[in-house]
Structures are given as C-alpha cells and as structure tokens.
C-alpha cells in the first residue's frame, strides 16, 4: 500500500550513470533534462547504501529508493545483472 504525500514533487533515485551523462551538452540528452528537473526542484533526488540486483553496487540505489519511497529509480544501465527488471517492490525502474 502506497502512502499519500501532500507535496507534488516526484521522488527519484538517480543512478550515477544518469548524473554522469547529465553533464554532456546535447539538446536531446534525457539525463540532462532529469538533472535539470532536480536542480529546479521539480524532482527530489536521493542517494543511499538489498541484494536483489546481481551487480552489488547497484543495490545501494535500490535500498535508497525503497527507504525514501521513491516514485522512480532512474538509470540508463539495464544490462543483464544490473537494473534488468521493470520494478523492484513498489519502485518502478
């Protein structure tokens, strides 16, 4: 059961790949748009320290997403063993 939030700001956990790609100058760069939304406080971004993902370091992002009840976990890393599921618990990736 999802809890009700009063504010309308989305909560998202950003994989470091998104942050790195967000620095590249390109008008069609989707990670850059996500980073800009965070800077404008349209989206609140979180980072943190689950063993649901085979690539162990990626579990820190999942743990953070679950702990802060994120609306999304945003990543570009969908290779096998990384974020290769559509969702983890109540958090879509």
Protein backbone atom coordinates (compact mmCIF):
# COMPACT_ATOMS: atom_id res chain seq x y z
CA UNK A 1 0.00 0.00 0.00
CA UNK A 2 1.42 3.37 -1.04
CA UNK A 3 1.14 6.21 1.40
CA UNK A 4 -0.29 9.63 0.49
CA UNK A 5 2.09 12.56 0.14
CA UNK A 6 0.99 16.16 0.43
CA UNK A 7 3.55 17.67 -1.92
CA UNK A 8 3.52 17.00 -5.66
CA UNK A 9 7.29 16.85 -6.13
CA UNK A 10 8.38 13.50 -7.54
CA UNK A 11 10.97 11.50 -5.62
CA UNK A 12 13.58 9.77 -7.73
CA UNK A 13 16.79 7.90 -7.08
CA UNK A 14 19.32 8.61 -9.81
CA UNK A 15 21.95 6.07 -10.80
CA UNK A 16 25.39 7.67 -11.08
CA UNK A 17 25.31 6.89 -14.82
CA UNK A 18 22.40 9.34 -15.14
CA UNK A 19 24.35 12.03 -13.30
CA UNK A 20 27.45 11.45 -15.43
CA UNK A 21 25.51 11.52 -18.71
CA UNK A 22 23.63 14.59 -17.49
CA UNK A 23 26.81 16.63 -17.82
CA UNK A 24 27.08 16.06 -21.57
CA UNK A 25 25.96 19.01 -23.68
CA UNK A 26 23.28 17.86 -26.10
CA UNK A 27 19.76 19.29 -26.56
CA UNK A 28 18.22 15.78 -26.70
CA UNK A 29 20.11 14.45 -23.67
CA UNK A 30 17.40 12.90 -21.45
CA UNK A 31 19.68 12.51 -18.39
CA UNK A 32 20.48 16.24 -18.65
CA UNK A 33 16.74 17.02 -18.56
CA UNK A 34 16.35 14.86 -15.43
CA UNK A 35 19.28 16.61 -13.71
CA UNK A 36 17.80 20.00 -14.66
CA UNK A 37 14.43 18.99 -13.12
CA UNK A 38 16.29 18.12 -9.92
CA UNK A 39 18.08 21.47 -9.92
CA UNK A 40 14.73 23.25 -10.37
CA UNK A 41 13.30 21.13 -7.50
CA UNK A 42 10.58 19.62 -9.68
CA UNK A 43 12.09 16.24 -8.78
CA UNK A 44 13.80 15.48 -5.46
CA UNK A 45 16.80 13.19 -5.94
CA UNK A 46 18.18 10.82 -3.30
CA UNK A 47 21.28 8.66 -2.85
CA UNK A 48 21.99 5.92 -0.17
CA UNK A 49 23.65 2.40 0.92
CA UNK A 50 19.15 -5.25 -0.94
CA UNK A 51 20.69 -7.91 -2.77
CA UNK A 52 18.03 -8.01 -5.50
CA UNK A 53 20.48 -6.88 -8.18
CA UNK A 54 23.37 -9.10 -9.25
CA UNK A 55 25.77 -6.17 -9.68
CA UNK A 56 26.27 -5.49 -5.95
CA UNK A 57 26.98 -1.71 -6.08
CA UNK A 58 23.59 -1.12 -7.78
CA UNK A 59 21.82 -2.43 -4.67
CA UNK A 60 22.67 0.84 -2.88
CA UNK A 61 20.41 2.70 -5.31
CA UNK A 62 17.60 0.20 -4.76
CA UNK A 63 17.94 0.44 -0.98
CA UNK A 64 17.74 4.21 -1.20
CA UNK A 65 14.68 4.08 -3.47
CA UNK A 66 12.86 1.77 -1.07
CA UNK A 67 13.88 3.78 2.02
CA UNK A 68 12.69 7.13 0.67
CA UNK A 69 9.62 5.62 -1.02
CA UNK A 70 10.77 6.91 -4.39
CA UNK A 71 8.31 7.27 -7.23
CA UNK A 72 11.03 6.16 -9.67
CA UNK A 73 14.53 4.77 -9.82
CA UNK A 74 16.13 6.31 -12.90
CA UNK A 75 19.00 4.56 -14.64
CA UNK A 76 20.43 4.02 -18.09
CA UNK A 77 22.14 0.80 -17.00
CA UNK A 78 19.75 -2.02 -17.94
CA UNK A 79 22.36 -4.61 -18.89
CA UNK A 80 21.80 -8.14 -17.60
CA UNK A 81 22.55 -8.30 -13.89
CA UNK A 82 22.08 -4.58 -13.33
CA UNK A 83 18.62 -2.95 -13.36
CA UNK A 84 17.05 -5.58 -15.59
CA UNK A 85 13.57 -5.68 -14.01
CA UNK A 86 10.70 -3.29 -14.65
CA UNK A 87 10.25 -2.69 -10.94
CA UNK A 88 11.58 -3.61 -7.51
CA UNK A 89 8.86 -3.76 -4.88
CA UNK A 90 6.78 -0.61 -5.26
CA UNK A 91 9.51 1.26 -7.14
CA UNK A 92 9.47 1.20 -10.97
CA UNK A 93 12.83 1.38 -12.70
